Amino acid sequence: MKVGIPGFRSIALGCLLTLAAVSSALAESPCKGLEQDVCGAREDCRWINGYTRKDGIEVSGHCRVQKKAQSQATTPAQTPPPKSESSASAPTAPADS
């Protein structure tokens, strides 16, 4: 008789699938390690100058992937729904004379 942890295979398979998904998301950048002149010549990369963080850590200049600008043409316009006449104002009672 085989004794094992119930669901162990399912958990192991889930971990492997998660690891595969994460590793593809963490793939090495095409800009990583490029020198400043090479980085500046590529449209998909941008150079970040060195700086000192608030905690005093020195960060050296490096090349990063250029963020893609979001086109306004592809973003749908946000317009509020039209107001219905019934919700525009509450009816008022006639004045007594």
N, C-alpha and C. Protein backbone atom coordinates (compact mmCIF):
# COMPACT_ATOMS: atom_id res chain seq x y z
N MET A 1 0.83 -1.18 0.00
CA MET A 1 0.00 0.00 0.00
C MET A 1 0.88 1.25 0.00
N LYS A 2 0.54 2.19 -0.89
CA LYS A 2 1.29 3.43 -1.01
C LYS A 2 0.71 4.48 -0.08
N VAL A 3 1.57 5.11 0.70
CA VAL A 3 1.12 6.16 1.61
C VAL A 3 1.76 7.47 1.15
N GLY A 4 0.96 8.51 1.04
CA GLY A 4 1.49 9.80 0.60
C GLY A 4 0.61 10.93 1.09
N ILE A 5 1.02 12.11 0.79
CA ILE A 5 0.26 13.30 1.19
C ILE A 5 -0.83 13.51 0.14
N PRO A 6 -2.09 13.58 0.58
CA PRO A 6 -3.17 13.79 -0.37
C PRO A 6 -3.01 15.14 -1.08
N GLY A 7 -3.16 15.14 -2.37
CA GLY A 7 -3.08 16.38 -3.15
C GLY A 7 -1.67 16.87 -3.40
N PHE A 8 -0.66 16.11 -3.00
CA PHE A 8 0.72 16.56 -3.17
C PHE A 8 1.05 16.78 -4.64
N ARG A 9 0.60 15.87 -5.50
CA ARG A 9 0.87 16.00 -6.93
C ARG A 9 0.22 17.26 -7.50
N SER A 10 -0.98 17.57 -7.06
CA SER A 10 -1.66 18.78 -7.54
C SER A 10 -0.92 20.03 -7.10
N ILE A 11 -0.47 20.03 -5.86
CA ILE A 11 0.28 21.18 -5.34
C ILE A 11 1.60 21.33 -6.09
N ALA A 12 2.30 20.24 -6.30
CA ALA A 12 3.58 20.28 -7.01
C ALA A 12 3.38 20.78 -8.43
N LEU A 13 2.34 20.31 -9.10
CA LEU A 13 2.07 20.74 -10.47
C LEU A 13 1.74 22.24 -10.49
N GLY A 14 0.96 22.70 -9.53
CA GLY A 14 0.63 24.12 -9.44
C GLY A 14 1.87 24.98 -9.24
N CYS A 15 2.78 24.50 -8.40
CA CYS A 15 4.04 25.24 -8.16
C CYS A 15 4.88 25.31 -9.42
N LEU A 16 4.96 24.23 -10.15
CA LEU A 16 5.74 24.21 -11.39
C LEU A 16 5.15 25.15 -12.44
N LEU A 17 3.83 25.16 -12.57
CA LEU A 17 3.19 26.06 -13.52
C LEU A 17 3.39 27.53 -13.14
N THR A 18 3.31 27.83 -11.85
CA THR A 18 3.54 29.19 -11.37
C THR A 18 4.97 29.61 -11.64
N LEU A 19 5.91 28.73 -11.37
CA LEU A 19 7.31 29.02 -11.62
C LEU A 19 7.57 29.30 -13.09
N ALA A 20 6.95 28.53 -13.96
CA ALA A 20 7.12 28.74 -15.41
C ALA A 20 6.58 30.10 -15.83
N ALA A 21 5.43 30.48 -15.29
CA ALA A 21 4.84 31.78 -15.64
C ALA A 21 5.69 32.93 -15.13
N VAL A 22 6.21 32.83 -13.90
CA VAL A 22 7.01 33.90 -13.32
C VAL A 22 8.35 34.03 -14.04
N SER A 23 8.96 32.92 -14.39
CA SER A 23 10.27 32.98 -15.04
C SER A 23 10.18 33.65 -16.40
N SER A 24 9.08 33.48 -17.12
CA SER A 24 8.96 34.15 -18.41
C SER A 24 8.74 35.64 -18.22
N ALA A 25 8.07 36.03 -17.13
CA ALA A 25 7.86 37.45 -16.85
C ALA A 25 9.15 38.12 -16.42
N LEU A 26 10.07 37.35 -15.84
CA LEU A 26 11.33 37.91 -15.37
C LEU A 26 12.46 37.70 -16.37
N ALA A 27 12.11 37.50 -17.63
CA ALA A 27 13.13 37.29 -18.66
C ALA A 27 14.06 38.50 -18.71
N GLU A 28 15.30 38.26 -19.07
CA GLU A 28 16.30 39.32 -19.09
C GLU A 28 15.93 40.41 -20.09
N SER A 29 16.12 41.64 -19.69
CA SER A 29 15.82 42.80 -20.52
C SER A 29 16.80 42.88 -21.69
N PRO A 30 16.33 43.30 -22.87
CA PRO A 30 17.25 43.47 -24.00
C PRO A 30 18.19 44.66 -23.80
N CYS A 31 17.88 45.51 -22.82
CA CYS A 31 18.69 46.70 -22.57
C CYS A 31 19.72 46.49 -21.46
N LYS A 32 19.58 45.40 -20.70
CA LYS A 32 20.43 45.17 -19.54
C LYS A 32 21.90 45.05 -19.94
N GLY A 33 22.74 45.83 -19.27
CA GLY A 33 24.18 45.74 -19.48
C GLY A 33 24.72 46.56 -20.64
N LEU A 34 23.86 47.28 -21.36
CA LEU A 34 24.35 48.09 -22.49
C LEU A 34 25.07 49.33 -21.99
N GLU A 35 26.06 49.75 -22.73
CA GLU A 35 26.78 51.00 -22.42
C GLU A 35 25.89 52.18 -22.81
N GLN A 36 26.20 53.37 -22.29
CA GLN A 36 25.37 54.54 -22.49
C GLN A 36 25.17 54.88 -23.97
N ASP A 37 26.21 54.86 -24.78
CA ASP A 37 26.08 55.23 -26.19
C ASP A 37 25.23 54.21 -26.96
N VAL A 38 25.39 52.93 -26.66
CA VAL A 38 24.61 51.89 -27.33
C VAL A 38 23.14 51.98 -26.88
N CYS A 39 22.95 52.21 -25.59
CA CYS A 39 21.61 52.33 -25.03
C CYS A 39 20.86 53.50 -25.68
N GLY A 40 21.51 54.63 -25.82
CA GLY A 40 20.89 55.81 -26.42
C GLY A 40 20.55 55.64 -27.88
N ALA A 41 21.26 54.74 -28.57
CA ALA A 41 21.02 54.52 -29.98
C ALA A 41 19.80 53.61 -30.22
N ARG A 42 19.35 52.90 -29.20
CA ARG A 42 18.21 51.99 -29.35
C ARG A 42 16.91 52.70 -28.99
N GLU A 43 15.87 52.50 -29.79
CA GLU A 43 14.58 53.13 -29.53
C GLU A 43 13.86 52.48 -28.35
N ASP A 44 14.12 51.21 -28.09
CA ASP A 44 13.42 50.50 -27.02
C ASP A 44 14.09 50.63 -25.66
N CYS A 45 15.20 51.40 -25.58
CA CYS A 45 15.94 51.56 -24.33
C CYS A 45 16.11 53.04 -24.00
N ARG A 46 16.36 53.31 -22.71
CA ARG A 46 16.68 54.68 -22.29
C ARG A 46 17.73 54.60 -21.19
N TRP A 47 18.58 55.62 -21.11
CA TRP A 47 19.65 55.66 -20.13
C TRP A 47 19.17 56.37 -18.86
N ILE A 48 19.44 55.78 -17.72
CA ILE A 48 19.14 56.36 -16.41
C ILE A 48 20.47 56.80 -15.80
N ASN A 49 20.61 58.10 -15.53
CA ASN A 49 21.85 58.59 -14.91
C ASN A 49 21.96 58.09 -13.48
N GLY A 50 23.19 58.01 -13.00
CA GLY A 50 23.43 57.58 -11.62
C GLY A 50 22.86 58.58 -10.64
N TYR A 51 22.52 58.11 -9.45
CA TYR A 51 21.95 58.97 -8.43
C TYR A 51 22.17 58.34 -7.05
N THR A 52 21.90 59.13 -6.01
CA THR A 52 22.00 58.65 -4.63
C THR A 52 20.58 58.57 -4.06
N ARG A 53 20.22 57.39 -3.53
CA ARG A 53 18.90 57.21 -2.94
C ARG A 53 18.83 57.92 -1.59
N LYS A 54 17.61 58.07 -1.07
CA LYS A 54 17.41 58.73 0.23
C LYS A 54 18.16 58.04 1.35
N ASP A 55 18.32 56.71 1.22
CA ASP A 55 19.01 55.96 2.28
C ASP A 55 20.53 55.96 2.11
N GLY A 56 21.05 56.76 1.14
CA GLY A 56 22.48 56.91 0.96
C GLY A 56 23.12 55.93 -0.02
N ILE A 57 22.37 55.00 -0.55
CA ILE A 57 22.91 54.02 -1.50
C ILE A 57 23.16 54.69 -2.85
N GLU A 58 24.36 54.50 -3.38
CA GLU A 58 24.72 55.03 -4.69
C GLU A 58 24.24 54.08 -5.78
N VAL A 59 23.47 54.58 -6.72
CA VAL A 59 23.00 53.79 -7.85
C VAL A 59 23.73 54.28 -9.08
N SER A 60 24.44 53.39 -9.76
CA SER A 60 25.19 53.80 -10.95
C SER A 60 24.26 53.91 -12.15
N GLY A 61 24.70 54.66 -13.16
CA GLY A 61 23.92 54.81 -14.38
C GLY A 61 23.69 53.47 -15.04
N HIS A 62 22.55 53.30 -15.66
CA HIS A 62 22.23 52.03 -16.30
C HIS A 62 21.18 52.22 -17.39
N CYS A 63 21.05 51.20 -18.20
CA CYS A 63 20.12 51.22 -19.33
C CYS A 63 18.86 50.46 -18.94
N ARG A 64 17.69 51.00 -19.29
CA ARG A 64 16.40 50.35 -19.00
C ARG A 64 15.56 50.28 -20.26
N VAL A 65 14.54 49.43 -20.21
CA VAL A 65 13.57 49.34 -21.30
C VAL A 65 12.72 50.60 -21.27
N GLN A 66 12.51 51.21 -22.42
CA GLN A 66 11.69 52.41 -22.56
C GLN A 66 10.22 52.02 -22.38
N LYS A 67 9.51 52.73 -21.53
CA LYS A 67 8.08 52.47 -21.35
C LYS A 67 7.34 52.91 -22.61
N LYS A 68 6.36 52.11 -23.01
CA LYS A 68 5.57 52.46 -24.18
C LYS A 68 4.52 53.49 -23.78
N ALA A 69 4.43 54.57 -24.55
CA ALA A 69 3.43 55.59 -24.28
C ALA A 69 2.07 55.08 -24.71
N GLN A 70 1.06 55.36 -23.89
CA GLN A 70 -0.29 54.92 -24.22
C GLN A 70 -0.93 55.93 -25.15
N SER A 71 -1.41 55.46 -26.26
CA SER A 71 -2.02 56.33 -27.26
C SER A 71 -3.41 56.76 -26.80
N GLN A 72 -3.74 58.04 -26.99
CA GLN A 72 -5.07 58.52 -26.62
C GLN A 72 -6.12 57.99 -27.58
N ALA A 73 -5.72 57.66 -28.79
CA ALA A 73 -6.67 57.15 -29.77
C ALA A 73 -7.21 55.79 -29.37
N THR A 74 -6.42 55.02 -28.63
CA THR A 74 -6.86 53.69 -28.23
C THR A 74 -7.63 53.70 -26.91
N THR A 75 -7.61 54.84 -26.20
CA THR A 75 -8.30 54.93 -24.92
C THR A 75 -9.71 55.46 -25.16
N PRO A 76 -10.75 54.71 -24.79
CA PRO A 76 -12.10 55.21 -25.01
C PRO A 76 -12.40 56.41 -24.12
N ALA A 77 -13.16 57.34 -24.64
CA ALA A 77 -13.51 58.54 -23.88
C ALA A 77 -14.48 58.17 -22.78
N GLN A 78 -14.27 58.75 -21.62
CA GLN A 78 -15.15 58.51 -20.48
C GLN A 78 -16.17 59.63 -20.42
N THR A 79 -17.42 59.36 -20.78
CA THR A 79 -18.47 60.36 -20.71
C THR A 79 -19.52 59.89 -19.72
N PRO A 80 -20.03 60.79 -18.88
CA PRO A 80 -21.04 60.38 -17.92
C PRO A 80 -22.36 60.08 -18.64
N PRO A 81 -23.17 59.20 -18.09
CA PRO A 81 -24.45 58.89 -18.72
C PRO A 81 -25.37 60.10 -18.64
N PRO A 82 -26.26 60.28 -19.64
CA PRO A 82 -27.16 61.44 -19.61
C PRO A 82 -28.14 61.32 -18.45
N LYS A 83 -28.49 62.48 -17.89
CA LYS A 83 -29.45 62.49 -16.78
C LYS A 83 -30.86 62.37 -17.34
N SER A 84 -31.66 61.57 -16.68
CA SER A 84 -33.05 61.45 -17.11
C SER A 84 -33.85 62.59 -16.51
N GLU A 85 -34.96 62.95 -17.15
CA GLU A 85 -35.77 64.08 -16.68
C GLU A 85 -36.36 63.81 -15.30
N SER A 86 -36.68 62.55 -15.00
CA SER A 86 -37.30 62.24 -13.72
C SER A 86 -36.34 62.44 -12.55
N SER A 87 -35.06 62.32 -12.77
CA SER A 87 -34.11 62.50 -11.67
C SER A 87 -33.51 63.90 -11.63
N ALA A 88 -33.90 64.76 -12.59
CA ALA A 88 -33.34 66.11 -12.65
C ALA A 88 -33.78 66.95 -11.45
N SER A 89 -35.06 66.89 -11.10
CA SER A 89 -35.52 67.65 -9.93
C SER A 89 -36.73 66.96 -9.34
N ALA A 90 -36.91 67.10 -8.04
CA ALA A 90 -38.03 66.50 -7.36
C ALA A 90 -39.26 67.38 -7.53
N PRO A 91 -40.45 66.80 -7.65
CA PRO A 91 -41.64 67.64 -7.79
C PRO A 91 -41.90 68.43 -6.50
N THR A 92 -42.41 69.65 -6.67
CA THR A 92 -42.68 70.51 -5.51
C THR A 92 -44.18 70.56 -5.26
N ALA A 93 -44.55 70.73 -4.03
CA ALA A 93 -45.97 70.81 -3.67
C ALA A 93 -46.48 72.21 -3.94
N PRO A 94 -47.74 72.34 -4.37
CA PRO A 94 -48.28 73.69 -4.61
C PRO A 94 -48.37 74.48 -3.31
N ALA A 95 -48.16 75.78 -3.42
CA ALA A 95 -48.18 76.65 -2.25
C ALA A 95 -49.62 76.89 -1.82
N ASP A 96 -49.88 76.89 -0.51
CA ASP A 96 -51.20 77.17 0.02
C ASP A 96 -51.41 78.68 0.08
N SER A 97 -52.63 79.17 -0.29
CA SER A 97 -52.87 80.59 -0.21
C SER A 97 -53.87 80.95 0.82
